[in-house]
Amino acid sequence: MQDELAFKEIVLQTRALMPDVIRDLKDLIRFPSVAFPGYPQEPVIAMADATVGLLRKYGLSNARLIDVPGGYPAVYGEIPAPPGKPTVLMYAHYDVQPAQKKDGWDTDPWEPREKGGRLYGRGAADDKSGIVMIAASIRIFGGKPPVGIKVVIEGEEETTSHIEDFALANPGLFACDAFIIADNGNLSVGEPALTTSLRGEVSCIIEVRTLDHAVHSGMFGGAAPDALIALIKILATLHEAQGDVAVKGLRSDASGNGGYPVGNYRADAGVIDGVDLIGTGPLGDRLWFKPSITVIGIDAPSLQKSANILIPRASAKISMRIAPDADAGHEVQVLMDHLRAAAPWNVHIDVTEGGHSAGFTCPTGGPGYVAAKSALETVFGLPALEKGTGGSIPLLNVLHKKVPHAEFILWGAEDAAGSCIHGTDESVNIGDLERIIAAQSLFLVLLEKQR
């Protein structure tokens, strides 16, 4: 009965708070906080300051910037736990992906707009919605939640992050009983989901060289090898005919969990009518538990600069998502060995590692996870899906190493069907944002009772 009363009160308070939440989220969207090298620093720092101000306004009175050596500052604050009660650390990030209207946005990506129950703008979902989720769930309790709270808002999640080294050097700052990673979400609007695994990511760059200079394709073509053709032949060996990854020796954690309805996936991914999906096995396995390979960049002459020559050198960057439990160092080495072995005609190739980060599997079954699942199902009124995700958050492995007893709750206001994170017309569903704020607040109540 007490839980039911708490739920009803939280729902009412969340609904009353939403006009402020939406207004403040709009203000955050207006900061082009792109932390990538080469972008201006001022908007990123301004966004960090705005995040501090927002958290203070919502009840985290000691919110402040903390220096992260080598990178942008993080935002930190805490509310001590009542005696004998657990502490929850809530994580989000204030930096965003680059965006320009000319990329295909309907409107200015830095000027928020509401349409059809959604709020549009860069960062609306990933991950400024996470910031207002955290702030709102503190304000619901008037700044005095039933459990201890720590807040860490990172400023470099979308680029080369320095917070992993910072966490390794400052484990006490991250000590808690449960982590909430407010940087995930549901597959579809109104259908609750908990993320239980993340694929890792590795990358490498391959350069192919065949000639010491460009030559006339009419005079020399037919015997002298073209570097781009050689590169294409190498890249073509990465997949089998049906699209499964053909690199032998990679780990696969296939679980038989279909998870994602095929029709929804085709629509969410924007797959053109008549185009086949690639790979075999349950769709959820292909997206969450098996390796996948993408060529994310090629250096070769553009159409505009094309000429009748044999190309002497060409290169490509390859990104591979790896199974959640795979050894990232091993997987990238297997990929690079495959590329070297696939080189035709004794062409010269150089393969260099671009980077690697392991995946993550969340511990489940503990009191925090039980409370989170119950909170989601109570607020959304539906069973909560347990799913994986193809995205990577390298920080989680560091946190698990330094705080091994803590549980992990991965959720958020994003939805695969419409949020378009990292893409054009990014948005958040306002109804789901309200529901996840209520669920996160109810989670704090339920966790306090279970501990």
Foldseek 3Di string as FASTA:
>chain_A
DVLVVLLVLLLVLLVVCLVVLVVLLQVLLLQQLAFDPPDDNVSVVVSQVSLQVLLCVLQQVPWDWDDQPPGGTKIKGKDAFDPPAWEEEEEAASHFFDDQVVQPFPDGQNRWDDDPQWIWHTCQVRPSLSSSLVSLLCNSVPNDFNGMYMYIYHRAQPHDDRVLVVCLVCVVSLATAAYEYAGAAAADPLAAAWEFKEWKKWKKKKKWFFDPDKDACVVPPPPGAFAVVLVVQLVVCQADPQGHGNQPDADFPQDQDLQHDPVLVCLLVVPDPPDDDGDDGRNQRVFFTAKHKDFPDKDDDDPVRDDRIRHRMIMTMMMMTGGQPTDFVVVVVSVQVSSVVSGPPPIDMDMGIPDIAHMHGFDDDDQLNVLLQVLLCVLSVHHYHYGHHHDGRRSVVSSCVSHVNHGYTYHHQDHSNAQQGVHHGGIGRSVSSSSSSSSVSSSSVSSRVVD
